[in-house]
Amino acid sequence: MKRDRSPGVKLFLAAIIGVVLLIPLLMVYALVGDRENQSRTAQQSITAGWGGAQTVTGPVLVIPYEDQSVQTETVDGKQLTRSVTVRREMFLSPLKQSITTDLAPDVKQYSIYRSVIYQSDLSGLASFVLPTDLDRSGVGRDKLLFDQAELRFGVSDPRGLTDGTTVTVAGDVQELHPGNGPASTNGSGFSTAVNWDGSEELAVNWKYGLRGSRSISLVPRGGETEWKVTSPWQHPSFKGSFLPDNPEVSEEGFTANYEGITNLALGEALVNLSDAPAPIIEDGSGRDAEYYASVAADNSQTKFASIRLIEPVDLYSQVDRSVKYGFLFIGFTFVCFFMFDVVAGARVAAAEYLLTGVGLVLFFVMLLAFSEVIGFTWAYIVASFAIIGLLTSYSAAVLGGWRRAWMIGGMLTGLYATLYVLLSLEAWSLMIGSVLLFVALAVLMYATRNIQWSGLTSSQDETETAAADS
């Protein structure tokens, strides 16, 4: 009589196959990252002629001044020191500024990929006052070259600037020049010359249209900054160093008010002898974050406020999280097969474990593929129904009957439903998942309490021993 493998050996073989299946599961995990990068590349292609994630700032008033610098030269082997006049720049932030932004979003599509873009109208009012204690900054008023002063406005991606950009200073419309923006936008933007002697308050009005995508950020500066943003987009995400005061988000859109961002909160004086560097802004696209991280100073402390126009469901994030639960699907299914094998007497071969595991891994590939076309929810329904139907039918042949197969189908249905709940309840997913695992382990321990893992059952041993003695 041929002796069957012990339950311990069967469990070991099933565990080995489960570990082997982690290899294609990891490949699917890498595939998700690759498709996400491809999506970002496609989104960049969509916005290439429109405008990327925008960062705006300004205005800042730049006034050159003359300063004395000591230089040391070696002439005929002798050290000579002389004083030379050099030209430097003083950066004066507004005493108060108020900015209004209206965002009109849209969704552009390239093949199966989508990207959120927007057309915005920005307008603002700023006032500049030369401090009475200017000497404390190390610059004398008599050294200032007021006739060479200029206003600088920052726009990180000037491709998005549209017609109708105007700047009015003391009631006069100014001539604008491209480039020469503040350092906080890496010099991108526009500027205009200003005729001001510093004796009175300087009032500046401006407005311009700006196209962009995914997000818009503001680098506030000055004594007090107010920023009001309105948009019909229903899914904003507020990021950065400052959050809006009581934002209103509804089905009609959102309104965000940033009130009272002072220079004390910014940690910046109104007068500076160097311009603030570019902030490191994460906008979710990957490219812009890397761009700013590479050009900004390593110790950049520039503060900003940012608003992202996000999709309600980030399908790649959802698929990525679901793949991380893949080993649970393989484990629970293999445990059910194992129980039918050692308890109910249905013999399950190693190849049948392997084919079942491949089907479970295929679910995540189908989920990713269909999500890019019909969205995550419908893709989840299609992929889960397909795999449940496939494995239920296969289980009928493996386990020797439809009754057992329907039990496998019910278990898979419960698993997929549970996973969807865990993906929806992100904040509670760890606690709910740990409780369910505890319950599953308790049930498994109870069901296998009488199994002799090292060999056959005691009754079978006695029968074989008696047969051998006769």
Foldseek 3Di string as FASTA:
>chain_A
DDFDDFLQVVVVLLVVLLVVLVVVLVVLLVVLVVVLVVLLVVQCVVCVQAAAAKEKEDWKKKWKFKDKDWDWDADPNDIDIDIDIDIAIKIFGFQEKEKEKEWEWDWDDDDLHIFIKTKMKMKMKTKTADDPVNVVQVGDLVGTDLQAMKIAIAILTCSFWDPDKWKAKPRRTFDKAFWCHFQQSPGGGIMTRDRDSRPDMIMMIIMTMGMYTFKYKYQYDHAWYKYKYWYQQQDKDKDWPDAFDPWDHDNRTIIGIDGGPGCVVQVDDSMDRGTQHHDQDDRPSPPSNVVSCVRTDPPRPRTMIMMGRDDPDDLSVLLSVLSVCLSVLLVVLSLLVSCLCQPVPQPADSVNSNVLSVLSSVLSVQQVVVCSHPNNPVSLVVSLVVSLVVQLVVVCVRSVHNVSSVVSSVVSVVVSVLSVVLSVCVVCNVVVVVVVVVVVVVVSCVSCVQRDRNGDHPVVVVVVVVVVVD
